[in-house]
Amino acid sequence: MPSALDRSLVRAAIRVGLVGILGATLPRACAGGDAGALFEGDREIQTALARGVVDDLEAGVSAATFHTGSPRFDGEWALGTYQMAALGLAQVVIAHPELKDELVPTIEASVERLLAPETMAFGTQAWHAAALDDLASDHGHAYLGYINLALGMLRIVAPHNRFVGLHDRITEALARRISLAPNGLIETYPGEAYPADNAAVVGSIGLHDRLPESDHHALLAAWATTFRARWIDPASGMIYQAGDPATGQPRGPARASHTALAVYALSFAAPELSRDLFEALQRSQRASFVGFGAIREDAPGTTGSSDIDSGPVVLGVGVSATGFALAGARIHGDRALYTELYRTADLFGAPRKSGEGRRFVSGGPLGDAILLAMLTARRSP
């Protein structure tokens, strides 16, 4: 017969086991329960996320909203908020056309704010010239790619909007600059060039090519070949953080945050390249623990440090890389990774209802806008 001590040990072992099982399953069960519906494009959930972003924008967003310690980064974050909001809201309208009357006015307002001199002041200060007044020059202004993506998405849901002419002019300026770049890279700021920003430039040109009168096919194909040769780390398959446009040499390590953002942007212009970059993330950067997923920031065998682009890096896992990778998972049909990444975003984003909307409290307006755009990214045919 078992002794009292034996029975106590058995009961203790059972309790420990139950605690372990519950600890591993309860958070997973409570977080990200609507991941499957989101992956499938559920109207109710997408609408709630969209209305949360609308609430953020109506409350007001500007460079003064952010406090990074750098006027340039504050400006970039304001621009990123409006740009990602325009992309995400447009994607919701494409998926659910019945929401057009409700959401298109906010998309138009977001584009208007993107183009405002105060929003673009960080670039004007860097170049000593306003980007929209400098379209005839060969200056890079690669951040225009993000603005041009928003213009392209607005044009899809509102073909006759008042920014159509400007969309055409920016696209042609960016296409000319890319065609003149010997290594496929134009500068974001004087002396600074980033492959991810150029992915946005090229993505915006590809989005413009969805118009029947636009054709940059040969340019995009040539650029993709150059990009593969110059700006992808052969060991990891990820893109380099920065590069020298004159020499074609990298100036920074391969980073997952930049790669995950490029996966999304390039889906509009170079889908095969987008898929290859996403598969690199799947292959070497994926991290998973009891059903929660994340993306490691640094390439295998390397160790970097967090910065303004990567966001916090905890135990090698990058916040930005994890959020941006949601888009790649949806675009390229990886439901399992999308679900795991969403569980993490849902757990740490602290979502709450806001009127008829849903917001992620810990991310603020920029986080809400990014997650809307990434979670609703258009799936490949």
Protein backbone atom coordinates (compact mmCIF):
# COMPACT_ATOMS: atom_id res chain seq x y z
CA MET A 1 0.00 0.00 0.00
CA PRO A 2 1.29 3.49 -0.77
CA SER A 3 2.32 5.46 2.29
CA ALA A 4 0.85 8.84 3.20
CA LEU A 5 4.10 10.43 2.01
CA ASP A 6 3.84 8.67 -1.34
CA ARG A 7 0.26 9.88 -1.77
CA SER A 8 1.27 13.44 -0.89
CA LEU A 9 4.05 13.36 -3.46
CA VAL A 10 1.65 12.09 -6.10
CA ARG A 11 -0.87 14.83 -5.30
CA ALA A 12 1.88 17.46 -5.41
CA ALA A 13 3.10 16.14 -8.77
CA ILE A 14 -0.44 16.29 -10.13
CA ARG A 15 -0.84 19.89 -8.94
CA VAL A 16 2.47 20.91 -10.51
CA GLY A 17 1.47 19.22 -13.74
CA LEU A 18 -1.90 20.95 -13.81
CA VAL A 19 -0.30 24.32 -13.17
CA GLY A 20 2.11 23.69 -16.02
CA ILE A 21 -0.64 22.62 -18.39
CA LEU A 22 -2.85 25.57 -17.51
CA GLY A 23 0.08 27.98 -17.74
CA ALA A 24 0.84 26.71 -21.20
CA THR A 25 -2.72 26.62 -22.51
CA LEU A 26 -4.77 29.30 -20.76
CA PRO A 27 -2.89 32.32 -22.19
CA ARG A 28 -3.03 30.76 -25.65
CA ALA A 29 -6.75 30.11 -25.26
CA CYS A 30 -7.44 33.64 -24.03
CA ALA A 31 -5.22 35.54 -26.48
CA GLY A 32 -5.69 35.67 -30.21
CA GLY A 33 -8.93 33.72 -30.27
CA ASP A 34 -10.08 35.61 -33.37
CA ALA A 35 -6.89 34.98 -35.35
CA GLY A 36 -8.63 32.53 -37.67
CA ALA A 37 -11.44 34.95 -38.42
CA LEU A 38 -8.96 37.75 -39.08
CA PHE A 39 -6.93 35.56 -41.39
CA GLU A 40 -10.10 34.85 -43.36
CA GLY A 41 -11.00 38.56 -43.51
CA ASP A 42 -13.93 38.61 -41.07
CA ARG A 43 -15.89 41.81 -41.61
CA GLU A 44 -16.80 42.46 -37.98
CA ILE A 45 -13.27 42.20 -36.64
CA GLN A 46 -11.69 44.17 -39.48
CA THR A 47 -14.31 46.89 -39.08
CA ALA A 48 -13.63 47.17 -35.35
CA LEU A 49 -9.89 47.54 -35.96
CA ALA A 50 -10.54 50.12 -38.68
CA ARG A 51 -12.81 52.17 -36.44
CA GLY A 52 -10.19 52.09 -33.69
CA VAL A 53 -7.70 53.66 -36.10
CA VAL A 54 -10.28 56.24 -37.17
CA ASP A 55 -10.74 57.15 -33.50
CA ASP A 56 -6.96 57.62 -33.14
CA LEU A 57 -6.76 59.91 -36.15
CA GLU A 58 -9.76 61.96 -35.11
CA ALA A 59 -8.08 62.52 -31.74
CA GLY A 60 -5.18 64.09 -33.64
CA VAL A 61 -1.73 62.80 -34.58
CA SER A 62 1.36 64.87 -35.34
CA ALA A 63 5.09 64.79 -34.70
CA ALA A 64 4.31 66.30 -31.29
CA THR A 65 2.34 63.14 -30.42
CA PHE A 66 5.59 61.19 -30.19
CA HIS A 67 8.54 61.63 -27.87
CA THR A 68 11.42 59.62 -29.28
CA GLY A 69 13.98 62.29 -28.43
CA SER A 70 14.62 63.01 -32.13
CA PRO A 71 12.56 65.44 -34.24
CA ARG A 72 13.33 63.31 -37.30
CA PHE A 73 12.02 60.13 -35.71
CA ASP A 74 8.98 61.93 -34.30
CA GLY A 75 8.22 63.10 -37.83
CA GLU A 76 8.76 59.65 -39.28
CA TRP A 77 6.38 58.14 -36.74
CA ALA A 78 3.66 60.69 -37.57
CA LEU A 79 4.10 59.96 -41.26
CA GLY A 80 4.08 56.22 -40.57
CA THR A 81 0.83 56.50 -38.62
CA TYR A 82 -1.03 58.22 -41.44
CA GLN A 83 0.54 56.02 -44.12
CA MET A 84 -0.24 52.72 -42.39
CA ALA A 85 -3.73 53.98 -41.54
CA ALA A 86 -4.41 54.77 -45.21
CA LEU A 87 -3.13 51.35 -46.30
CA GLY A 88 -5.05 49.43 -43.67
CA LEU A 89 -8.31 51.29 -44.14
CA ALA A 90 -8.08 50.87 -47.91
CA GLN A 91 -7.46 47.15 -47.52
CA VAL A 92 -10.59 46.89 -45.38
CA VAL A 93 -12.60 48.75 -48.04
CA ILE A 94 -11.28 46.43 -50.78
CA ALA A 95 -12.32 43.42 -48.70
CA HIS A 96 -15.66 44.94 -47.71
CA PRO A 97 -16.81 47.50 -50.33
CA GLU A 98 -19.92 48.30 -48.33
CA LEU A 99 -17.64 50.23 -45.92
CA LYS A 100 -16.43 52.58 -48.66
CA ASP A 101 -18.66 55.54 -47.74
CA GLU A 102 -17.64 55.24 -44.10
CA LEU A 103 -13.88 54.82 -44.49
CA VAL A 104 -12.78 56.56 -47.70
CA PRO A 105 -13.13 60.07 -46.20
CA THR A 106 -10.66 59.10 -43.47
CA ILE A 107 -8.28 57.63 -46.06
CA GLU A 108 -8.42 60.91 -47.99
CA ALA A 109 -7.85 62.88 -44.80
CA SER A 110 -4.88 60.66 -43.95
CA VAL A 111 -3.32 61.28 -47.36
CA GLU A 112 -3.90 65.01 -46.94
CA ARG A 113 -2.07 64.90 -43.61
CA LEU A 114 0.75 62.86 -45.17
CA LEU A 115 1.27 65.59 -47.75
CA ALA A 116 1.12 68.47 -45.28
CA PRO A 117 4.38 70.46 -45.01
CA GLU A 118 4.49 69.94 -41.25
CA THR A 119 4.27 66.15 -41.64
CA MET A 120 7.08 66.12 -44.19
CA ALA A 121 9.20 68.68 -42.34
CA PHE A 122 11.74 66.07 -41.22
CA GLY A 123 12.61 65.34 -44.86
CA THR A 124 12.64 69.00 -45.83
CA GLN A 125 15.12 69.73 -43.07
CA ALA A 126 17.39 66.91 -44.18
CA TRP A 127 17.43 67.85 -47.87
CA HIS A 128 16.94 71.62 -47.46
CA ALA A 129 14.18 71.20 -50.00
CA ALA A 130 10.56 70.08 -49.80
CA ALA A 131 10.16 66.70 -51.48
CA LEU A 132 7.10 67.68 -53.49
CA ASP A 133 8.84 70.80 -54.79
CA ASP A 134 11.93 68.76 -55.65
CA LEU A 135 10.44 66.10 -57.92
CA ALA A 136 12.46 67.22 -60.93
CA SER A 137 15.75 66.68 -59.08
CA ASP A 138 17.70 63.46 -58.68
CA HIS A 139 17.63 63.73 -54.90
CA GLY A 140 16.42 60.49 -53.36
CA HIS A 141 13.67 61.40 -50.88
CA ALA A 142 13.04 57.64 -50.68
CA TYR A 143 10.51 58.15 -47.87
CA LEU A 144 8.19 59.30 -50.67
CA GLY A 145 7.71 55.61 -51.39
CA TYR A 146 5.61 55.23 -48.26
CA ILE A 147 3.49 58.25 -49.18
CA ASN A 148 3.12 56.97 -52.73
CA LEU A 149 1.89 53.59 -51.47
CA ALA A 150 -0.88 55.41 -49.62
CA LEU A 151 -1.73 57.41 -52.74
CA GLY A 152 -1.90 54.19 -54.74
CA MET A 153 -4.24 52.50 -52.29
CA LEU A 154 -6.48 55.58 -52.17
CA ARG A 155 -6.67 55.49 -55.96
CA ILE A 156 -7.85 51.88 -55.90
CA VAL A 157 -10.81 52.67 -53.62
CA ALA A 158 -11.44 56.19 -54.97
CA PRO A 159 -10.19 56.30 -58.58
CA HIS A 160 -11.09 59.94 -59.14
CA ASN A 161 -9.73 61.44 -55.93
CA ARG A 162 -8.14 64.89 -55.97
CA PHE A 163 -4.59 63.55 -55.60
CA VAL A 164 -4.50 61.55 -58.84
CA GLY A 165 -2.21 63.99 -60.66
CA LEU A 166 0.22 64.13 -57.77
CA HIS A 167 0.24 60.33 -57.58
CA ASP A 168 1.30 60.20 -61.24
CA ARG A 169 4.04 62.82 -60.76
CA ILE A 170 5.54 61.18 -57.66
CA THR A 171 5.52 57.78 -59.34
CA GLU A 172 7.35 59.05 -62.41
CA ALA A 173 9.91 60.89 -60.27
CA LEU A 174 10.61 57.78 -58.21
CA ALA A 175 10.76 55.57 -61.30
CA ARG A 176 13.28 57.93 -62.90
CA ARG A 177 15.44 58.00 -59.79
CA ILE A 178 15.40 54.20 -59.47
CA SER A 179 16.29 53.82 -63.15
CA LEU A 180 19.34 56.06 -62.64
CA ALA A 181 20.55 54.24 -59.50
CA PRO A 182 23.43 51.94 -60.55
CA ASN A 183 22.89 49.63 -57.59
CA GLY A 184 19.14 49.95 -57.28
CA LEU A 185 19.24 52.14 -54.19
CA ILE A 186 18.28 55.80 -53.78
CA GLU A 187 18.90 57.82 -50.66
CA THR A 188 16.30 58.47 -47.98
CA TYR A 189 18.38 61.31 -46.58
CA PRO A 190 21.68 62.72 -47.86
CA GLY A 191 24.28 60.00 -47.33
CA GLU A 192 21.72 57.51 -45.99
CA ALA A 193 20.11 54.74 -48.05
CA TYR A 194 17.99 51.84 -46.84
CA PRO A 195 16.90 48.77 -48.83
CA ALA A 196 13.56 48.61 -46.99
CA ASP A 197 12.72 52.19 -47.97
CA ASN A 198 13.57 51.35 -51.57
CA ALA A 199 11.28 48.34 -51.36
CA ALA A 200 8.50 50.82 -50.51
CA VAL A 201 9.52 52.99 -53.48
CA VAL A 202 9.37 50.04 -55.86
CA GLY A 203 6.19 48.70 -54.25
CA SER A 204 4.51 52.03 -54.88
CA ILE A 205 5.55 51.95 -58.55
CA GLY A 206 4.17 48.43 -58.84
CA LEU A 207 0.90 49.54 -57.27
CA HIS A 208 0.68 52.38 -59.81
CA ASP A 209 1.18 49.79 -62.56
CA ARG A 210 -2.22 48.36 -61.73
CA LEU A 211 -3.56 51.27 -63.75
CA PRO A 212 -4.03 50.38 -67.43
CA GLU A 213 -2.01 53.39 -68.58
CA SER A 214 1.02 52.63 -66.38
CA ASP A 215 3.79 50.20 -67.33
CA HIS A 216 7.11 49.94 -65.49
CA HIS A 217 7.39 46.17 -65.89
CA ALA A 218 10.88 46.18 -67.37
CA LEU A 219 12.17 48.60 -64.74
CA LEU A 220 10.75 46.55 -61.88
CA ALA A 221 12.15 43.29 -63.24
CA ALA A 222 15.63 44.79 -63.66
CA TRP A 223 15.50 46.34 -60.21
CA ALA A 224 14.51 43.03 -58.59
CA THR A 225 17.52 41.34 -60.18
CA THR A 226 19.86 44.05 -58.89
CA PHE A 227 18.27 44.01 -55.45
CA ARG A 228 18.76 40.26 -55.13
CA ALA A 229 22.42 40.57 -56.06
CA ARG A 230 23.25 43.57 -53.87
CA TRP A 231 20.97 43.90 -50.88
CA ILE A 232 20.15 40.39 -49.68
CA ASP A 233 22.51 38.68 -47.26
CA PRO A 234 23.33 35.30 -48.88
CA ALA A 235 23.73 33.59 -45.52
CA SER A 236 20.38 34.52 -43.97
CA GLY A 237 18.34 35.50 -47.02
CA MET A 238 17.33 38.74 -45.27
CA ILE A 239 17.93 42.28 -46.51
CA TYR A 240 20.64 44.52 -45.14
CA GLN A 241 19.68 47.37 -42.87
CA ALA A 242 21.54 50.02 -44.89
CA GLY A 243 23.69 50.30 -47.97
CA ASP A 244 25.99 52.52 -50.00
CA PRO A 245 24.16 53.35 -53.24
CA ALA A 246 27.40 54.24 -55.04
CA THR A 247 29.46 51.13 -54.25
CA GLY A 248 26.68 48.58 -53.73
CA GLN A 249 28.17 47.57 -50.38
CA PRO A 250 26.10 47.00 -47.22
CA ARG A 251 26.45 49.46 -44.36
CA GLY A 252 24.51 47.49 -41.78
CA PRO A 253 23.68 43.90 -40.85
CA ALA A 254 20.79 41.86 -42.18
CA ARG A 255 17.76 42.62 -40.02
CA ALA A 256 14.37 40.91 -39.73
CA SER A 257 12.40 44.12 -39.09
CA HIS A 258 13.56 45.63 -42.39
CA THR A 259 12.99 42.33 -44.19
CA ALA A 260 9.45 41.85 -42.87
CA LEU A 261 8.49 45.37 -43.93
CA ALA A 262 10.00 44.77 -47.39
CA VAL A 263 7.97 41.55 -47.72
CA TYR A 264 4.80 43.64 -47.46
CA ALA A 265 5.92 46.47 -49.76
CA LEU A 266 7.30 44.18 -52.44
CA SER A 267 4.09 42.18 -52.62
CA PHE A 268 2.77 45.06 -54.76
CA ALA A 269 5.61 44.94 -57.29
CA ALA A 270 7.77 41.81 -57.03
CA PRO A 271 5.70 38.98 -55.50
CA GLU A 272 8.35 36.31 -56.06
CA LEU A 273 10.98 38.39 -54.30
CA SER A 274 8.49 39.08 -51.51
CA ARG A 275 7.87 35.35 -51.10
CA ASP A 276 11.59 34.54 -51.05
CA LEU A 277 12.20 37.09 -48.29
CA PHE A 278 9.26 35.75 -46.32
CA GLU A 279 10.57 32.22 -46.62
CA ALA A 280 13.90 33.42 -45.19
CA LEU A 281 12.02 34.68 -42.13
CA GLN A 282 10.14 31.40 -41.85
CA ARG A 283 13.32 29.38 -42.19
CA SER A 284 15.65 31.02 -39.71
CA GLN A 285 13.90 33.75 -37.71
CA ARG A 286 10.74 32.11 -36.42
CA ALA A 287 10.46 31.62 -32.67
CA SER A 288 7.59 29.88 -30.90
CA PHE A 289 6.70 29.11 -27.29
CA VAL A 290 3.50 27.32 -26.21
CA GLY A 291 1.62 28.65 -29.21
CA PHE A 292 2.93 32.23 -29.12
CA GLY A 293 5.04 33.27 -32.09
CA ALA A 294 7.67 35.91 -32.70
CA ILE A 295 10.42 36.82 -35.15
CA ARG A 296 14.08 37.02 -34.16
CA GLU A 297 15.63 40.32 -35.19
CA ASP A 298 19.22 39.33 -35.89
CA ALA A 299 20.49 36.82 -38.42
CA PRO A 300 21.66 33.47 -37.01
CA GLY A 301 25.11 33.73 -35.50
CA THR A 302 24.95 37.51 -35.09
CA THR A 303 23.95 39.74 -32.23
CA GLY A 304 22.94 43.34 -32.67
CA SER A 305 21.17 45.93 -30.56
CA SER A 306 17.71 47.40 -30.70
CA ASP A 307 17.15 50.72 -32.44
CA ILE A 308 14.30 52.98 -33.51
CA ASP A 309 13.43 50.67 -36.41
CA SER A 310 13.56 47.33 -34.64
CA GLY A 311 11.81 48.52 -31.50
CA PRO A 312 12.67 46.65 -28.32
CA VAL A 313 14.55 43.39 -28.82
CA VAL A 314 13.94 40.97 -25.95
CA LEU A 315 15.83 37.67 -25.83
CA GLY A 316 16.59 38.17 -29.51
CA VAL A 317 12.95 38.68 -30.50
CA GLY A 318 12.10 41.95 -32.26
CA VAL A 319 8.84 43.81 -31.67
CA SER A 320 8.78 45.45 -35.11
CA ALA A 321 9.82 42.27 -36.91
CA THR A 322 7.05 40.34 -35.20
CA GLY A 323 4.39 42.92 -36.07
CA PHE A 324 5.46 43.41 -39.68
CA ALA A 325 5.71 39.65 -40.26
CA LEU A 326 1.94 39.35 -39.78
CA ALA A 327 1.54 40.82 -43.27
CA GLY A 328 3.87 38.31 -44.88
CA ALA A 329 2.13 35.43 -43.15
CA ARG A 330 -1.25 36.53 -44.50
CA ILE A 331 -0.01 37.49 -47.96
CA HIS A 332 1.77 34.19 -48.46
CA GLY A 333 -0.79 31.97 -46.77
CA ASP A 334 0.97 30.82 -43.59
CA ARG A 335 -2.06 30.54 -41.35
CA ALA A 336 -0.16 28.85 -38.51
CA LEU A 337 2.48 31.58 -38.27
CA TYR A 338 -0.16 34.31 -38.59
CA THR A 339 -2.07 32.75 -35.69
CA GLU A 340 1.00 32.48 -33.45
CA LEU A 341 2.15 36.02 -34.20
CA TYR A 342 -1.33 37.40 -33.62
CA ARG A 343 -1.57 35.66 -30.25
CA THR A 344 1.58 37.52 -29.20
CA ALA A 345 0.35 40.85 -30.55
CA ASP A 346 -3.01 40.36 -28.88
CA LEU A 347 -1.47 39.41 -25.53
CA PHE A 348 1.07 42.23 -25.30
CA GLY A 349 -0.90 44.84 -27.27
CA ALA A 350 -3.55 44.99 -24.52
CA PRO A 351 -6.52 45.38 -26.88
CA ARG A 352 -9.67 47.06 -25.63
CA LYS A 353 -12.91 48.29 -27.09
CA SER A 354 -13.20 51.99 -27.85
CA GLY A 355 -16.77 52.83 -28.79
CA GLU A 356 -17.39 50.77 -31.92
CA GLY A 357 -13.66 50.33 -32.46
CA ARG A 358 -10.87 48.20 -31.10
CA ARG A 359 -7.46 49.60 -30.16
CA PHE A 360 -4.16 48.17 -28.94
CA VAL A 361 -3.39 50.29 -25.91
CA SER A 362 0.33 49.56 -25.61
CA GLY A 363 1.10 50.54 -29.21
CA GLY A 364 -0.62 53.92 -29.38
CA PRO A 365 -1.84 55.35 -32.70
CA LEU A 366 1.21 54.15 -34.64
CA GLY A 367 0.84 50.61 -33.31
CA ASP A 368 -2.88 50.58 -34.12
CA ALA A 369 -2.23 51.74 -37.68
CA ILE A 370 0.59 49.25 -38.28
CA LEU A 371 -1.39 46.31 -36.94
CA LEU A 372 -4.44 47.25 -39.02
CA ALA A 373 -2.32 47.35 -42.19
CA MET A 374 -0.40 44.17 -41.41
CA LEU A 375 -3.38 42.13 -40.19
CA THR A 376 -5.48 43.03 -43.26
CA ALA A 377 -2.70 42.73 -45.88
CA ARG A 378 -4.13 41.35 -49.11
CA ARG A 379 -3.65 37.62 -49.60
CA SER A 380 -1.87 36.47 -52.74
CA PRO A 381 -4.17 34.93 -55.37
